[in-house]
Amino acid sequence: MNWLSKTPIAHRGLHDIEIPENSLGAFKSAIDSSYVIELDVRLTKDGKVVVFHDLETSRLMDQNYKISDTDLSELEELALKGSNFKIPSLKTVLDFVAGRVPLLIEIKNESKVGLLENELVRILDDYKGEFALQSFNPLSLKYISKVRPDFKIGLLVGSFSKSKLPFVKKIFLKYMLLTPYLRPDFFSIEYGVNIWMQKSMLKIYNDRPILYWTIKNKETASELIKSGHGVIFEGFKI
């Protein structure tokens, strides 16, 4: 797991105006620079794992489809805005990366836990490269850890200032109250958030690696790496 804190992690791949996030082009650019690739996974209507961040496609496409209401075959036909790149399945990405760099896979699951996690495990069981899993959803991570105790899991934590979650759920996540139940292998913390409960919890579990997201300044990234922390970065090269 040394790569988590020693190798810069390209947020949704190394993307720019011409190369969309979470595309094979962004992943190729990250591989060419020997960066770890961070990517997001969701479940399609037909139960396939697709690499895409948002609930819907409107931000990155001219058309608007809800990922969970659309089959993978339909999504694969759509071009990401301003490019010829398509939404890839996780299997396509794994075949493309083929272990050349490690992967940090974020599980995007806002619904019932089980279907996405089982399919994800099934796919990753055949993958020979290095990877770790992270999520804001501790129940998703706990499910994974029960099914595959050897998989490395990390809890994503932030301010949740823009979250539409119910108040009680937001408190549990914001203050990391399920950490003793989950016991993650590492933490991914929103950089610049100053919440006392998060600091206290990180002190209790101070033997776990800490990653900071999303760093958009080269100097900050360099300082964090020198101090032994991992960085998930975007918008520049380190």
Protein backbone atom coordinates (compact mmCIF):
# COMPACT_ATOMS: atom_id res chain seq x y z
CA MET A 1 0.00 0.00 0.00
CA ASN A 2 3.02 2.35 -0.11
CA TRP A 3 1.85 3.70 -3.44
CA LEU A 4 -1.13 5.37 -1.76
CA SER A 5 1.08 7.92 0.00
CA LYS A 6 4.16 7.96 -2.22
CA THR A 7 2.73 8.23 -5.73
CA PRO A 8 0.58 11.19 -6.89
CA ILE A 9 -2.98 10.15 -7.69
CA ALA A 10 -4.59 11.67 -10.77
CA HIS A 11 -8.20 12.60 -9.99
CA ARG A 12 -10.42 10.86 -12.56
CA GLY A 13 -7.29 10.39 -14.64
CA LEU A 14 -5.07 13.12 -16.05
CA HIS A 15 -7.73 15.12 -17.88
CA ASP A 16 -7.99 18.55 -19.45
CA ILE A 17 -10.18 20.54 -21.85
CA GLU A 18 -9.57 18.10 -24.70
CA ILE A 19 -9.41 14.87 -22.70
CA PRO A 20 -12.49 14.24 -20.51
CA GLU A 21 -12.36 12.91 -16.97
CA ASN A 22 -12.77 9.17 -16.41
CA SER A 23 -11.97 8.45 -20.07
CA LEU A 24 -9.42 6.10 -21.57
CA GLY A 25 -7.58 9.19 -22.80
CA ALA A 26 -7.28 10.55 -19.25
CA PHE A 27 -6.10 7.17 -18.03
CA LYS A 28 -3.49 6.91 -20.78
CA SER A 29 -2.13 10.35 -19.85
CA ALA A 30 -1.88 9.27 -16.21
CA ILE A 31 -0.10 6.07 -17.14
CA ASP A 32 2.34 7.98 -19.36
CA SER A 33 3.26 10.10 -16.30
CA SER A 34 3.35 7.07 -13.93
CA TYR A 35 0.55 8.43 -11.74
CA VAL A 36 -1.92 6.35 -9.80
CA ILE A 37 -5.38 6.58 -11.40
CA GLU A 38 -8.40 7.55 -9.32
CA LEU A 39 -11.72 6.66 -10.96
CA ASP A 40 -15.40 6.35 -10.09
CA VAL A 41 -17.72 3.40 -10.60
CA ARG A 42 -21.50 3.14 -10.78
CA LEU A 43 -24.04 0.46 -11.66
CA THR A 44 -26.08 0.64 -14.86
CA LYS A 45 -29.67 -0.46 -15.34
CA ASP A 46 -28.53 -3.84 -16.64
CA GLY A 47 -26.21 -4.45 -13.68
CA LYS A 48 -22.90 -3.52 -15.29
CA VAL A 49 -20.15 -1.50 -13.62
CA VAL A 50 -19.42 1.67 -15.55
CA VAL A 51 -16.72 4.29 -14.96
CA PHE A 52 -18.53 7.60 -14.42
CA HIS A 53 -18.75 10.09 -11.56
CA ASP A 54 -22.16 11.77 -11.72
CA LEU A 55 -25.65 10.37 -11.29
CA GLU A 56 -26.55 11.77 -14.70
CA THR A 57 -24.65 12.53 -17.89
CA SER A 58 -25.68 16.18 -18.44
CA ARG A 59 -22.43 17.76 -17.19
CA LEU A 60 -20.27 15.76 -19.58
CA MET A 61 -22.63 15.11 -22.47
CA ASP A 62 -25.09 16.93 -24.68
CA GLN A 63 -27.68 14.29 -23.82
CA ASN A 64 -28.94 13.64 -20.30
CA TYR A 65 -29.27 10.06 -19.08
CA LYS A 66 -29.44 8.75 -15.54
CA ILE A 67 -26.77 6.07 -15.24
CA SER A 68 -28.89 3.72 -13.13
CA ASP A 69 -31.75 3.94 -15.65
CA THR A 70 -29.63 3.24 -18.73
CA ASP A 71 -28.06 0.03 -20.08
CA LEU A 72 -24.30 -0.07 -20.56
CA SER A 73 -24.69 -0.70 -24.30
CA GLU A 74 -26.57 2.60 -24.63
CA LEU A 75 -24.00 4.54 -22.60
CA GLU A 76 -21.12 3.14 -24.62
CA GLU A 77 -22.60 4.70 -27.75
CA LEU A 78 -22.48 8.24 -26.31
CA ALA A 79 -19.49 10.54 -26.83
CA LEU A 80 -18.18 12.59 -23.92
CA LYS A 81 -18.60 16.29 -24.67
CA GLY A 82 -15.96 17.80 -26.94
CA SER A 83 -14.25 14.49 -27.69
CA ASN A 84 -14.50 11.10 -29.36
CA PHE A 85 -14.10 9.28 -26.04
CA LYS A 86 -16.95 7.14 -24.70
CA ILE A 87 -18.06 6.13 -21.22
CA PRO A 88 -16.05 2.95 -20.51
CA SER A 89 -17.05 -0.07 -18.49
CA LEU A 90 -14.78 -0.97 -15.59
CA LYS A 91 -13.80 -4.15 -17.42
CA THR A 92 -12.68 -2.08 -20.41
CA VAL A 93 -10.59 0.15 -18.14
CA LEU A 94 -8.99 -2.79 -16.34
CA ASP A 95 -8.06 -4.40 -19.64
CA PHE A 96 -6.59 -1.09 -20.81
CA VAL A 97 -4.59 -0.31 -17.64
CA ALA A 98 -3.49 -3.95 -17.22
CA GLY A 99 -1.57 -3.31 -14.01
CA ARG A 100 0.70 -0.61 -15.43
CA VAL A 101 -0.19 1.73 -12.55
CA PRO A 102 -2.25 1.19 -9.37
CA LEU A 103 -5.93 2.12 -9.29
CA LEU A 104 -7.90 3.93 -6.59
CA ILE A 105 -11.53 3.03 -7.26
CA GLU A 106 -14.27 5.15 -5.72
CA ILE A 107 -17.57 3.34 -5.23
CA LYS A 108 -20.51 5.63 -6.03
CA ASN A 109 -23.51 3.97 -4.42
CA GLU A 110 -26.36 6.10 -3.09
CA SER A 111 -28.87 3.24 -3.03
CA LYS A 112 -29.12 -0.24 -1.54
CA VAL A 113 -25.81 -1.94 -0.90
CA GLY A 114 -25.07 -5.29 -2.54
CA LEU A 115 -25.63 -5.31 -6.30
CA LEU A 116 -22.83 -2.92 -7.23
CA GLU A 117 -20.47 -4.34 -4.63
CA ASN A 118 -20.98 -7.96 -5.72
CA GLU A 119 -20.40 -7.15 -9.38
CA LEU A 120 -17.36 -5.06 -8.50
CA VAL A 121 -15.85 -7.91 -6.49
CA ARG A 122 -16.53 -10.35 -9.30
CA ILE A 123 -14.67 -8.17 -11.79
CA LEU A 124 -11.76 -7.35 -9.49
CA ASP A 125 -11.22 -11.00 -8.56
CA ASP A 126 -9.77 -11.50 -12.05
CA TYR A 127 -7.60 -8.36 -12.02
CA LYS A 128 -3.87 -8.83 -11.45
CA GLY A 129 -2.89 -5.18 -10.90
CA GLU A 130 -2.72 -3.21 -7.65
CA PHE A 131 -5.86 -1.42 -6.48
CA ALA A 132 -7.67 -0.03 -3.46
CA LEU A 133 -11.31 0.94 -2.93
CA GLN A 134 -12.76 4.04 -1.35
CA SER A 135 -16.22 5.49 -0.77
CA PHE A 136 -18.21 8.05 1.20
CA ASN A 137 -20.60 5.19 1.95
CA PRO A 138 -19.24 3.18 4.93
CA LEU A 139 -21.92 0.50 4.47
CA SER A 140 -20.69 -0.15 0.94
CA LEU A 141 -17.13 -0.48 2.20
CA LYS A 142 -18.19 -2.75 5.07
CA TYR A 143 -19.99 -5.02 2.62
CA ILE A 144 -16.82 -5.27 0.54
CA SER A 145 -14.65 -6.01 3.59
CA LYS A 146 -16.92 -8.86 4.64
CA VAL A 147 -16.93 -10.43 1.19
CA ARG A 148 -13.23 -9.82 0.50
CA PRO A 149 -11.29 -9.08 3.71
CA ASP A 150 -8.05 -8.80 1.73
CA PHE A 151 -9.31 -5.85 -0.34
CA LYS A 152 -7.96 -2.52 0.93
CA ILE A 153 -10.73 -0.02 1.75
CA GLY A 154 -10.59 3.70 2.49
CA LEU A 155 -13.21 6.03 3.97
CA LEU A 156 -13.82 9.27 2.08
CA VAL A 157 -14.59 12.22 4.36
CA GLY A 158 -15.41 15.85 3.67
CA SER A 159 -17.43 18.84 4.80
CA PHE A 160 -20.60 17.58 3.06
CA SER A 161 -21.48 21.26 2.66
CA LYS A 162 -23.16 20.64 -0.72
CA SER A 163 -24.66 17.29 0.20
CA LYS A 164 -28.41 16.73 -0.05
CA LEU A 165 -28.29 13.85 2.43
CA PRO A 166 -30.71 13.83 5.37
CA PHE A 167 -29.35 15.66 8.42
CA VAL A 168 -28.76 12.56 10.57
CA LYS A 169 -26.88 10.72 7.79
CA LYS A 170 -24.79 13.79 7.13
CA ILE A 171 -23.79 14.01 10.81
CA PHE A 172 -22.76 10.34 10.90
CA LEU A 173 -20.59 10.77 7.81
CA LYS A 174 -19.20 14.23 8.55
CA TYR A 175 -18.08 13.24 12.04
CA MET A 176 -16.87 9.79 11.01
CA LEU A 177 -19.05 8.09 13.62
CA LEU A 178 -19.01 4.72 11.83
CA THR A 179 -15.20 4.54 11.73
CA PRO A 180 -14.94 2.08 14.68
CA TYR A 181 -17.48 -0.16 12.93
CA LEU A 182 -15.71 0.05 9.58
CA ARG A 183 -12.04 0.18 10.64
CA PRO A 184 -10.79 1.29 7.21
CA ASP A 185 -7.25 0.73 5.95
CA PHE A 186 -6.83 4.40 5.01
CA PHE A 187 -8.65 7.74 4.94
CA SER A 188 -9.30 10.16 2.07
CA ILE A 189 -9.88 13.60 3.57
CA GLU A 190 -11.10 16.79 1.90
CA TYR A 191 -8.18 19.19 2.05
CA GLY A 192 -8.71 22.41 3.99
CA VAL A 193 -11.68 21.18 6.02
CA ASN A 194 -11.18 21.98 9.70
CA ILE A 195 -13.59 19.78 11.67
CA TRP A 196 -12.55 18.87 15.21
CA MET A 197 -14.21 15.44 15.20
CA GLN A 198 -12.41 14.46 12.02
CA LYS A 199 -9.08 15.51 13.55
CA SER A 200 -9.84 13.54 16.72
CA MET A 201 -10.78 10.41 14.79
CA LEU A 202 -7.63 10.62 12.68
CA LYS A 203 -5.52 10.85 15.85
CA ILE A 204 -7.15 7.69 17.19
CA TYR A 205 -6.42 5.85 13.93
CA ASN A 206 -3.04 7.48 13.35
CA ASP A 207 -1.48 4.30 11.95
CA ARG A 208 -3.60 4.58 8.79
CA PRO A 209 -2.40 6.41 5.67
CA ILE A 210 -4.14 9.71 4.89
CA LEU A 211 -4.86 10.97 1.39
CA TYR A 212 -5.97 14.54 0.72
CA TRP A 213 -8.38 15.54 -2.06
CA THR A 214 -8.70 17.33 -4.39
CA ILE A 215 -5.42 19.26 -4.54
CA LYS A 216 -5.36 21.89 -7.29
CA ASN A 217 -2.08 23.58 -6.41
CA LYS A 218 1.35 22.14 -7.22
CA GLU A 219 3.07 23.63 -4.17
CA THR A 220 0.45 22.22 -1.78
CA ALA A 221 0.74 18.81 -3.41
CA SER A 222 4.54 18.81 -3.04
CA GLU A 223 4.33 19.82 0.64
CA LEU A 224 1.83 17.08 1.44
CA ILE A 225 3.89 14.43 -0.31
CA LYS A 226 7.02 15.53 1.57
CA SER A 227 5.12 15.20 4.85
CA GLY A 228 4.23 11.60 4.01
CA HIS A 229 0.62 12.07 2.91
CA GLY A 230 -0.99 10.95 -0.30
CA VAL A 231 -2.50 13.48 -2.73
CA ILE A 232 -5.35 13.21 -5.17
CA PHE A 233 -4.66 16.07 -7.57
CA GLU A 234 -6.21 17.74 -10.59
CA GLY A 235 -5.34 20.41 -13.16
CA PHE A 236 -1.54 20.17 -13.28
CA LYS A 237 1.42 17.78 -13.36
CA ILE A 238 3.58 17.12 -10.33
